[in-house]
Amino acid sequence: MLKTVLALTLLACSGLCQTPPRDSDTTQALLTEVHELRLAIEGMTVASQRVQIALYTLQMQDAAVARAEQAVEADRSKCASIDVDRQHIAQEVQQLENASTSVTAGVEQPVNKDLKERIAETKAHLDIINSQVESCRARESESSSRLQTERSRLTELQDRIGRLDKALENLANPGR
């Protein structure tokens, strides 16, 4: 009988000292789930940082496009103003030339000489204005090209943000 009690005590003690295999599996499953949650949180943090970087870059590019648009408008305005001046001077040259041809033989020679000098000066001024118009048009073309480049970059960034949004949506709703 003593042997039986001793055997039962040993069995009970060994049963209490061992963790059932079911608890070990539950603990392992919980550890795995916690690890997966940690990885998911790290992934979301990285994704959030990438989105913030993309949005900041988008804001900077949007500002660059706005500056380029202002530069194009300023160049266009300046070119239009110079072109108006050029047209006025060209009209003045035409009027002076018409006046020069209409001078009669009875007009004194100094008046004709003064008119020819005035025509020469006005034509020289017209040449200067013409070169300014050409230079202005070149600047306008360059700034328009820069604007197109900036707009292309902006479109690329918007597409990138759209792809990031889609990827995040797919991560949030994996069943869809």
Protein backbone atom coordinates (compact mmCIF):
# COMPACT_ATOMS: atom_id res chain seq x y z
CA MET A 1 0.00 0.00 0.00
CA LEU A 2 2.82 2.34 0.77
CA LYS A 3 4.17 1.60 -2.65
CA THR A 4 0.85 2.48 -4.20
CA VAL A 5 0.62 5.81 -2.35
CA LEU A 6 4.19 6.59 -3.26
CA ALA A 7 3.54 5.75 -6.92
CA LEU A 8 0.41 7.91 -6.99
CA THR A 9 2.29 10.79 -5.35
CA LEU A 10 5.06 10.51 -7.93
CA LEU A 11 2.53 10.44 -10.76
CA ALA A 12 0.70 13.47 -9.40
CA CYS A 13 3.94 15.36 -8.87
CA SER A 14 5.21 14.59 -12.31
CA GLY A 15 1.83 15.60 -13.78
CA LEU A 16 1.93 18.95 -11.99
CA CYS A 17 5.54 19.67 -12.93
CA GLN A 18 5.00 19.19 -16.66
CA THR A 19 3.30 21.85 -18.83
CA PRO A 20 0.74 20.31 -21.07
CA PRO A 21 1.73 20.40 -24.73
CA ARG A 22 -1.41 22.38 -25.53
CA ASP A 23 -0.24 25.39 -23.46
CA SER A 24 3.13 25.31 -25.23
CA ASP A 25 1.44 25.47 -28.64
CA THR A 26 -0.76 28.37 -27.49
CA THR A 27 2.25 30.27 -26.22
CA GLN A 28 4.12 29.65 -29.46
CA ALA A 29 1.11 30.80 -31.49
CA LEU A 30 0.86 33.99 -29.41
CA LEU A 31 4.58 34.68 -29.84
CA THR A 32 4.25 34.20 -33.59
CA GLU A 33 1.27 36.54 -33.75
CA VAL A 34 3.07 39.19 -31.68
CA HIS A 35 6.07 38.91 -34.02
CA GLU A 36 3.82 39.30 -37.08
CA LEU A 37 2.13 42.33 -35.51
CA ARG A 38 5.52 43.88 -34.82
CA LEU A 39 6.55 43.36 -38.44
CA ALA A 40 3.27 44.85 -39.64
CA ILE A 41 3.73 47.92 -37.43
CA GLU A 42 7.30 48.36 -38.69
CA GLY A 43 6.05 48.07 -42.28
CA MET A 44 3.34 50.65 -41.66
CA THR A 45 5.85 53.01 -40.08
CA VAL A 46 8.15 52.72 -43.10
CA ALA A 47 5.20 53.20 -45.47
CA SER A 48 4.06 56.25 -43.51
CA GLN A 49 7.53 57.76 -43.70
CA ARG A 50 7.69 57.13 -47.45
CA VAL A 51 4.31 58.80 -47.91
CA GLN A 52 5.46 61.80 -45.88
CA ILE A 53 8.61 62.10 -47.98
CA ALA A 54 6.59 61.81 -51.19
CA LEU A 55 4.12 64.47 -50.03
CA TYR A 56 6.92 66.83 -49.01
CA THR A 57 8.59 66.29 -52.39
CA LEU A 58 5.25 66.92 -54.08
CA GLN A 59 4.85 70.22 -52.22
CA MET A 60 8.35 71.30 -53.22
CA GLN A 61 7.71 70.36 -56.85
CA ASP A 62 4.37 72.14 -56.85
CA ALA A 63 6.17 75.28 -55.63
CA ALA A 64 8.79 74.84 -58.38
CA VAL A 65 6.02 74.65 -60.99
CA ALA A 66 4.43 77.81 -59.58
CA ARG A 67 7.78 79.65 -59.76
CA ALA A 68 8.31 78.45 -63.33
CA GLU A 69 4.81 79.61 -64.30
CA GLN A 70 5.53 83.05 -62.81
CA ALA A 71 8.79 83.24 -64.73
CA VAL A 72 7.03 82.37 -68.00
CA GLU A 73 4.35 84.98 -67.39
CA ALA A 74 6.95 87.62 -66.51
CA ASP A 75 8.93 86.83 -69.67
CA ARG A 76 5.79 86.93 -71.81
CA SER A 77 4.75 90.26 -70.34
CA LYS A 78 8.21 91.74 -70.82
CA CYS A 79 8.40 90.46 -74.41
CA ALA A 80 4.97 91.86 -75.20
CA SER A 81 6.01 95.24 -73.81
CA ILE A 82 9.23 95.27 -75.82
CA ASP A 83 7.31 94.19 -78.92
CA VAL A 84 4.88 97.09 -78.50
CA ASP A 85 7.86 99.46 -78.24
CA ARG A 86 9.34 97.89 -81.37
CA GLN A 87 6.10 98.43 -83.27
CA HIS A 88 5.94 102.09 -82.23
CA ILE A 89 9.53 102.70 -83.28
CA ALA A 90 8.95 100.90 -86.59
CA GLN A 91 5.94 103.15 -87.21
CA GLU A 92 8.06 106.17 -86.34
CA VAL A 93 10.72 105.07 -88.83
CA GLN A 94 8.05 104.64 -91.49
CA GLN A 95 6.60 108.08 -90.77
CA LEU A 96 10.02 109.70 -90.88
CA GLU A 97 10.83 107.99 -94.17
CA ASN A 98 7.50 109.11 -95.59
CA ALA A 99 8.20 112.65 -94.43
CA SER A 100 11.65 112.48 -95.99
CA THR A 101 10.28 111.49 -99.38
CA SER A 102 7.62 114.15 -99.27
CA VAL A 103 10.15 116.95 -98.67
CA THR A 104 9.92 119.27 -101.59
CA ALA A 105 12.75 120.88 -103.42
CA GLY A 106 11.86 124.22 -101.89
CA VAL A 107 12.67 123.05 -98.33
CA GLU A 108 16.02 124.05 -97.02
CA GLN A 109 18.82 121.46 -97.01
CA PRO A 110 19.42 121.51 -93.17
CA VAL A 111 15.86 120.29 -92.49
CA ASN A 112 16.37 117.35 -94.82
CA LYS A 113 19.73 116.62 -93.18
CA ASP A 114 18.16 116.70 -89.69
CA LEU A 115 15.40 114.36 -90.87
CA LYS A 116 17.91 111.89 -92.28
CA GLU A 117 19.87 111.95 -89.01
CA ARG A 118 16.66 111.37 -87.08
CA ILE A 119 15.81 108.44 -89.37
CA ALA A 120 19.29 106.93 -88.83
CA GLU A 121 19.02 107.31 -85.05
CA THR A 122 15.54 105.78 -85.00
CA LYS A 123 16.64 102.87 -87.19
CA ALA A 124 19.59 102.23 -84.84
CA HIS A 125 17.19 102.28 -81.91
CA LEU A 126 14.92 99.88 -83.82
CA ASP A 127 17.85 97.50 -84.34
CA ILE A 128 18.55 97.54 -80.60
CA ILE A 129 14.89 96.88 -79.83
CA ASN A 130 14.80 94.05 -82.39
CA SER A 131 17.75 92.36 -80.68
CA GLN A 132 16.01 92.81 -77.33
CA VAL A 133 12.88 91.16 -78.74
CA GLU A 134 14.94 88.20 -79.99
CA SER A 135 16.72 87.87 -76.65
CA CYS A 136 13.43 88.11 -74.79
CA ARG A 137 11.82 85.44 -76.98
CA ALA A 138 14.79 83.15 -76.31
CA ARG A 139 14.37 83.65 -72.54
CA GLU A 140 10.64 83.05 -72.85
CA SER A 141 11.26 79.85 -74.77
CA GLU A 142 13.78 78.69 -72.18
CA SER A 143 11.44 79.44 -69.28
CA SER A 144 8.58 77.65 -71.09
CA SER A 145 10.80 74.63 -71.54
CA ARG A 146 11.73 74.74 -67.84
CA LEU A 147 8.03 74.93 -66.98
CA GLN A 148 7.29 71.84 -69.07
CA THR A 149 10.12 69.98 -67.30
CA GLU A 150 8.80 70.97 -63.87
CA ARG A 151 5.26 69.95 -64.84
CA SER A 152 6.54 66.57 -66.02
CA ARG A 153 8.29 66.04 -62.68
CA LEU A 154 5.10 67.02 -60.88
CA THR A 155 3.09 64.50 -62.90
CA GLU A 156 5.64 61.78 -62.12
CA LEU A 157 5.40 62.55 -58.41
CA GLN A 158 1.60 62.50 -58.52
CA ASP A 159 1.75 59.09 -60.22
CA ARG A 160 4.19 57.85 -57.58
CA ILE A 161 1.88 59.00 -54.78
CA GLY A 162 -1.03 57.31 -56.55
CA ARG A 163 0.94 54.04 -56.66
CA LEU A 164 1.83 54.40 -52.97
CA ASP A 165 -1.83 55.00 -52.14
CA LYS A 166 -2.87 51.91 -54.10
CA ALA A 167 -0.19 49.79 -52.41
CA LEU A 168 -1.28 50.98 -48.97
CA GLU A 169 -4.90 50.31 -49.85
CA ASN A 170 -3.97 46.78 -50.88
CA LEU A 171 -2.11 46.27 -47.61
CA ALA A 172 -5.07 47.54 -45.60
CA ASN A 173 -7.59 45.38 -47.48
CA PRO A 174 -5.77 42.18 -48.49
CA GLY A 175 -9.04 40.34 -49.22
CA ARG A 176 -10.09 42.59 -52.09
